[in-house]
Amino acid sequence: MKNLLLSLFVVAISFSTTAQKKIPASPSQKVEQTVGLSTITVEYSRPGVKDRTIFGDLVPFGKVWRTGANQNTKITFSSDVTVADVTLKAGTYAIYTIPNKESWDVIFYTDATNWGNPKEWDEAKVAVKVSAEVYPVPDTIETFTILFDDLKNTSAVLGFLWESTYVGVQINVTN
């Protein structure tokens, strides 16, 4: 009798655990890149196109976007870096963007604890804001992707890729 009850208990627990698991609509990703002696880590959620028009519609032009889905995208630098000739101290920043048709403003924000966009935008928390050119991509990129490309000993380009758009921002390390 004890074995039967134990077996039923195990089956009930495994069923309830399985029933509670849900595949997220925008799965999370963590990307880490070593540049020189520095490590850069990005944590973000990856929404999909899902037969929608993204830029200029789902993500309106000219408005602050959390640059991904769910909680805000975070970037962590293990040592000081420069972006657009501005030094960012080692630490964690939120990445926000303002997409436009021809260019994006990419914003490194000192408060990385928000869920999505801050309730009240604080310009004093903008560590650096850089304009980056939009490049068309010939194929549709279904899932929002952040990557590192053009990797060199002292720099890398932080790239944003989604729908038919690529935007890149150079980050220089100060080893």
C-alpha atoms as a PDB file:
ATOM      1  CA  MET A   1       0.000   0.000   0.000  1.00  0.00           C
ATOM      2  CA  LYS A   2       2.848   2.380   0.853  1.00  0.00           C
ATOM      3  CA  ASN A   3       4.456   1.715  -2.535  1.00  0.00           C
ATOM      4  CA  LEU A   4       1.189   2.438  -4.326  1.00  0.00           C
ATOM      5  CA  LEU A   5       0.727   5.730  -2.449  1.00  0.00           C
ATOM      6  CA  LEU A   6       4.351   6.708  -3.061  1.00  0.00           C
ATOM      7  CA  SER A   7       4.002   5.933  -6.773  1.00  0.00           C
ATOM      8  CA  LEU A   8       0.805   7.998  -7.033  1.00  0.00           C
ATOM      9  CA  PHE A   9       2.497  10.871  -5.183  1.00  0.00           C
ATOM     10  CA  VAL A  10       5.489  10.827  -7.559  1.00  0.00           C
ATOM     11  CA  VAL A  11       3.202  10.757 -10.628  1.00  0.00           C
ATOM     12  CA  ALA A  12       1.093  13.635  -9.249  1.00  0.00           C
ATOM     13  CA  ILE A  13       4.175  15.763  -8.496  1.00  0.00           C
ATOM     14  CA  SER A  14       5.738  15.174 -11.922  1.00  0.00           C
ATOM     15  CA  PHE A  15       2.414  15.912 -13.657  1.00  0.00           C
ATOM     16  CA  SER A  16       1.916  19.185 -11.782  1.00  0.00           C
ATOM     17  CA  THR A  17       5.523  20.241 -12.434  1.00  0.00           C
ATOM     18  CA  THR A  18       5.197  19.501 -16.153  1.00  0.00           C
ATOM     19  CA  ALA A  19       1.818  21.229 -16.376  1.00  0.00           C
ATOM     20  CA  GLN A  20       3.261  24.452 -14.925  1.00  0.00           C
ATOM     21  CA  LYS A  21       6.095  24.743 -17.456  1.00  0.00           C
ATOM     22  CA  LYS A  22       5.355  27.174 -20.241  1.00  0.00           C
ATOM     23  CA  ILE A  23       7.476  28.043 -23.250  1.00  0.00           C
ATOM     24  CA  PRO A  24       8.101  31.801 -23.157  1.00  0.00           C
ATOM     25  CA  ALA A  25       6.964  33.847 -26.146  1.00  0.00           C
ATOM     26  CA  SER A  26      10.258  35.765 -26.006  1.00  0.00           C
ATOM     27  CA  PRO A  27      12.969  33.441 -24.680  1.00  0.00           C
ATOM     28  CA  SER A  28      15.909  34.912 -22.808  1.00  0.00           C
ATOM     29  CA  GLN A  29      19.504  34.816 -23.980  1.00  0.00           C
ATOM     30  CA  LYS A  30      22.861  35.644 -22.448  1.00  0.00           C
ATOM     31  CA  VAL A  31      25.756  36.533 -24.765  1.00  0.00           C
ATOM     32  CA  GLU A  32      29.289  36.945 -23.471  1.00  0.00           C
ATOM     33  CA  GLN A  33      32.284  38.204 -25.430  1.00  0.00           C
ATOM     34  CA  THR A  34      35.890  38.689 -24.413  1.00  0.00           C
ATOM     35  CA  VAL A  35      37.449  41.775 -25.984  1.00  0.00           C
ATOM     36  CA  GLY A  36      41.124  42.128 -25.128  1.00  0.00           C
ATOM     37  CA  LEU A  37      41.226  41.528 -21.369  1.00  0.00           C
ATOM     38  CA  SER A  38      37.628  42.653 -20.825  1.00  0.00           C
ATOM     39  CA  THR A  39      34.416  40.659 -20.770  1.00  0.00           C
ATOM     40  CA  ILE A  40      31.162  42.109 -22.083  1.00  0.00           C
ATOM     41  CA  THR A  41      27.921  40.316 -21.205  1.00  0.00           C
ATOM     42  CA  VAL A  42      24.459  41.039 -22.618  1.00  0.00           C
ATOM     43  CA  GLU A  43      21.250  39.596 -21.143  1.00  0.00           C
ATOM     44  CA  TYR A  44      17.995  40.107 -23.044  1.00  0.00           C
ATOM     45  CA  SER A  45      14.744  38.557 -24.251  1.00  0.00           C
ATOM     46  CA  ARG A  46      14.196  37.671 -27.905  1.00  0.00           C
ATOM     47  CA  PRO A  47      10.799  38.506 -29.416  1.00  0.00           C
ATOM     48  CA  GLY A  48       9.842  37.155 -32.818  1.00  0.00           C
ATOM     49  CA  VAL A  49       8.500  38.860 -35.937  1.00  0.00           C
ATOM     50  CA  LYS A  50       5.507  36.469 -36.060  1.00  0.00           C
ATOM     51  CA  ASP A  51       4.119  37.916 -39.327  1.00  0.00           C
ATOM     52  CA  ARG A  52       4.105  41.471 -37.918  1.00  0.00           C
ATOM     53  CA  THR A  53       5.652  44.704 -39.157  1.00  0.00           C
ATOM     54  CA  ILE A  54       8.208  45.535 -36.485  1.00  0.00           C
ATOM     55  CA  PHE A  55       9.949  48.875 -36.992  1.00  0.00           C
ATOM     56  CA  GLY A  56       7.582  51.773 -37.526  1.00  0.00           C
ATOM     57  CA  ASP A  57       4.622  49.722 -36.235  1.00  0.00           C
ATOM     58  CA  LEU A  58       5.070  47.307 -33.297  1.00  0.00           C
ATOM     59  CA  VAL A  59       8.182  49.303 -32.340  1.00  0.00           C
ATOM     60  CA  PRO A  60       7.241  52.891 -33.261  1.00  0.00           C
ATOM     61  CA  PHE A  61       9.796  55.221 -34.800  1.00  0.00           C
ATOM     62  CA  GLY A  62      10.985  58.040 -32.562  1.00  0.00           C
ATOM     63  CA  LYS A  63      10.055  56.452 -29.212  1.00  0.00           C
ATOM     64  CA  VAL A  64      12.187  54.791 -26.539  1.00  0.00           C
ATOM     65  CA  TRP A  65      12.178  50.998 -26.905  1.00  0.00           C
ATOM     66  CA  ARG A  66      13.432  48.596 -24.243  1.00  0.00           C
ATOM     67  CA  THR A  67      15.418  46.839 -26.999  1.00  0.00           C
ATOM     68  CA  GLY A  68      14.015  43.359 -26.660  1.00  0.00           C
ATOM     69  CA  ALA A  69      11.099  42.050 -24.634  1.00  0.00           C
ATOM     70  CA  ASN A  70      10.163  41.593 -20.991  1.00  0.00           C
ATOM     71  CA  GLN A  71      12.625  43.177 -18.580  1.00  0.00           C
ATOM     72  CA  ASN A  72      15.099  45.664 -19.957  1.00  0.00           C
ATOM     73  CA  THR A  73      18.192  44.501 -21.810  1.00  0.00           C
ATOM     74  CA  LYS A  74      21.322  44.635 -19.650  1.00  0.00           C
ATOM     75  CA  ILE A  75      24.954  44.969 -20.649  1.00  0.00           C
ATOM     76  CA  THR A  76      27.778  44.407 -18.185  1.00  0.00           C
ATOM     77  CA  PHE A  77      31.385  45.507 -18.670  1.00  0.00           C
ATOM     78  CA  SER A  78      34.126  43.894 -16.559  1.00  0.00           C
ATOM     79  CA  SER A  79      36.331  46.960 -17.062  1.00  0.00           C
ATOM     80  CA  ASP A  80      35.974  50.516 -18.343  1.00  0.00           C
ATOM     81  CA  VAL A  81      35.035  50.918 -22.027  1.00  0.00           C
ATOM     82  CA  THR A  82      34.416  53.817 -24.381  1.00  0.00           C
ATOM     83  CA  VAL A  83      31.402  54.349 -26.596  1.00  0.00           C
ATOM     84  CA  ALA A  84      31.336  57.416 -28.847  1.00  0.00           C
ATOM     85  CA  ASP A  85      34.375  58.839 -27.017  1.00  0.00           C
ATOM     86  CA  VAL A  86      32.551  58.626 -23.664  1.00  0.00           C
ATOM     87  CA  THR A  87      33.993  56.407 -20.924  1.00  0.00           C
ATOM     88  CA  LEU A  88      31.576  53.940 -19.351  1.00  0.00           C
ATOM     89  CA  LYS A  89      32.801  52.648 -16.006  1.00  0.00           C
ATOM     90  CA  ALA A  90      32.843  48.897 -15.361  1.00  0.00           C
ATOM     91  CA  GLY A  91      29.373  47.773 -14.296  1.00  0.00           C
ATOM     92  CA  THR A  92      25.881  47.055 -15.583  1.00  0.00           C
ATOM     93  CA  TYR A  93      23.786  49.333 -17.765  1.00  0.00           C
ATOM     94  CA  ALA A  94      20.366  49.037 -19.401  1.00  0.00           C
ATOM     95  CA  ILE A  95      20.290  49.381 -23.183  1.00  0.00           C
ATOM     96  CA  TYR A  96      17.457  51.386 -24.669  1.00  0.00           C
ATOM     97  CA  THR A  97      17.083  52.475 -28.260  1.00  0.00           C
ATOM     98  CA  ILE A  98      15.080  55.015 -30.209  1.00  0.00           C
ATOM     99  CA  PRO A  99      14.623  53.420 -33.637  1.00  0.00           C
ATOM    100  CA  ASN A 100      14.102  55.616 -36.679  1.00  0.00           C
ATOM    101  CA  LYS A 101      14.034  54.733 -40.366  1.00  0.00           C
ATOM    102  CA  GLU A 102      17.595  55.898 -41.161  1.00  0.00           C
ATOM    103  CA  SER A 103      19.294  55.671 -37.738  1.00  0.00           C
ATOM    104  CA  TRP A 104      18.826  54.582 -34.144  1.00  0.00           C
ATOM    105  CA  ASP A 105      19.831  56.292 -30.952  1.00  0.00           C
ATOM    106  CA  VAL A 106      21.421  53.659 -28.710  1.00  0.00           C
ATOM    107  CA  ILE A 107      21.296  54.602 -25.038  1.00  0.00           C
ATOM    108  CA  PHE A 108      23.331  53.168 -22.170  1.00  0.00           C
ATOM    109  CA  TYR A 109      21.282  53.927 -19.028  1.00  0.00           C
ATOM    110  CA  THR A 110      22.742  53.684 -15.529  1.00  0.00           C
ATOM    111  CA  ASP A 111      19.589  52.233 -13.911  1.00  0.00           C
ATOM    112  CA  ALA A 112      19.355  48.609 -15.043  1.00  0.00           C
ATOM    113  CA  THR A 113      16.635  47.577 -12.573  1.00  0.00           C
ATOM    114  CA  ASN A 114      13.537  48.502 -14.599  1.00  0.00           C
ATOM    115  CA  TRP A 115      11.045  46.112 -16.147  1.00  0.00           C
ATOM    116  CA  GLY A 116      10.862  47.423 -19.698  1.00  0.00           C
ATOM    117  CA  ASN A 117      11.061  51.204 -20.013  1.00  0.00           C
ATOM    118  CA  PRO A 118      11.464  53.310 -16.861  1.00  0.00           C
ATOM    119  CA  LYS A 119       8.170  54.746 -15.564  1.00  0.00           C
ATOM    120  CA  GLU A 120       9.822  58.152 -15.611  1.00  0.00           C
ATOM    121  CA  TRP A 121      12.741  58.731 -17.961  1.00  0.00           C
ATOM    122  CA  ASP A 122      15.652  60.451 -16.193  1.00  0.00           C
ATOM    123  CA  GLU A 123      18.142  62.157 -18.542  1.00  0.00           C
ATOM    124  CA  ALA A 124      20.658  62.242 -15.660  1.00  0.00           C
ATOM    125  CA  LYS A 125      20.813  58.415 -15.901  1.00  0.00           C
ATOM    126  CA  VAL A 126      21.831  58.460 -19.583  1.00  0.00           C
ATOM    127  CA  ALA A 127      25.514  57.501 -19.469  1.00  0.00           C
ATOM    128  CA  VAL A 128      25.925  57.767 -23.244  1.00  0.00           C
ATOM    129  CA  LYS A 129      23.646  58.169 -26.253  1.00  0.00           C
ATOM    130  CA  VAL A 130      25.052  57.393 -29.680  1.00  0.00           C
ATOM    131  CA  SER A 131      23.488  57.562 -33.134  1.00  0.00           C
ATOM    132  CA  ALA A 132      23.959  54.478 -35.311  1.00  0.00           C
ATOM    133  CA  GLU A 133      23.117  54.000 -38.979  1.00  0.00           C
ATOM    134  CA  VAL A 134      20.454  51.484 -40.023  1.00  0.00           C
ATOM    135  CA  TYR A 135      21.561  48.897 -42.578  1.00  0.00           C
ATOM    136  CA  PRO A 136      18.994  46.831 -44.486  1.00  0.00           C
ATOM    137  CA  VAL A 137      19.237  43.049 -44.307  1.00  0.00           C
ATOM    138  CA  PRO A 138      18.104  41.108 -47.414  1.00  0.00           C
ATOM    139  CA  ASP A 139      16.327  38.325 -45.481  1.00  0.00           C
ATOM    140  CA  THR A 140      13.869  38.528 -42.611  1.00  0.00           C
ATOM    141  CA  ILE A 141      15.474  37.799 -39.255  1.00  0.00           C
ATOM    142  CA  GLU A 142      12.611  36.181 -37.323  1.00  0.00           C
ATOM    143  CA  THR A 143      14.028  36.437 -33.805  1.00  0.00           C
ATOM    144  CA  PHE A 144      15.555  39.587 -32.310  1.00  0.00           C
ATOM    145  CA  THR A 145      19.297  39.037 -31.942  1.00  0.00           C
ATOM    146  CA  ILE A 146      22.090  40.913 -30.203  1.00  0.00           C
ATOM    147  CA  LEU A 147      25.584  39.906 -31.267  1.00  0.00           C
ATOM    148  CA  PHE A 148      29.203  40.977 -31.275  1.00  0.00           C
ATOM    149  CA  ASP A 149      30.921  41.373 -34.629  1.00  0.00           C
ATOM    150  CA  ASP A 150      33.988  43.030 -36.142  1.00  0.00           C
ATOM    151  CA  LEU A 151      35.926  41.723 -33.134  1.00  0.00           C
ATOM    152  CA  LYS A 152      39.445  43.109 -32.648  1.00  0.00           C
ATOM    153  CA  ASN A 153      41.922  43.122 -29.753  1.00  0.00           C
ATOM    154  CA  THR A 154      40.635  46.437 -28.434  1.00  0.00           C
ATOM    155  CA  SER A 155      37.115  46.745 -29.853  1.00  0.00           C
ATOM    156  CA  ALA A 156      33.934  45.028 -30.957  1.00  0.00           C
ATOM    157  CA  VAL A 157      30.695  46.123 -32.548  1.00  0.00           C
ATOM    158  CA  LEU A 158      27.544  45.495 -30.541  1.00  0.00           C
ATOM    159  CA  GLY A 159      25.004  44.554 -33.214  1.00  0.00           C
ATOM    160  CA  PHE A 160      21.214  44.542 -33.160  1.00  0.00           C
ATOM    161  CA  LEU A 161      19.511  42.400 -35.798  1.00  0.00           C
ATOM    162  CA  TRP A 162      15.775  41.969 -36.352  1.00  0.00           C
ATOM    163  CA  GLU A 163      13.241  41.868 -39.148  1.00  0.00           C
ATOM    164  CA  SER A 164      15.213  43.397 -42.044  1.00  0.00           C
ATOM    165  CA  THR A 165      17.371  45.756 -39.961  1.00  0.00           C
ATOM    166  CA  TYR A 166      20.937  45.773 -38.628  1.00  0.00           C
ATOM    167  CA  VAL A 167      22.362  48.473 -36.352  1.00  0.00           C
ATOM    168  CA  GLY A 168      25.849  48.393 -34.809  1.00  0.00           C
ATOM    169  CA  VAL A 169      27.657  50.403 -32.133  1.00  0.00           C
ATOM    170  CA  GLN A 170      31.425  50.220 -31.627  1.00  0.00           C
ATOM    171  CA  ILE A 171      32.696  49.551 -28.116  1.00  0.00           C
ATOM    172  CA  ASN A 172      36.365  50.131 -27.323  1.00  0.00           C
ATOM    173  CA  VAL A 173      37.992  48.526 -24.321  1.00  0.00           C
ATOM    174  CA  THR A 174      40.626  50.259 -22.239  1.00  0.00           C
ATOM    175  CA  ASN A 175      42.642  47.225 -21.111  1.00  0.00           C
END
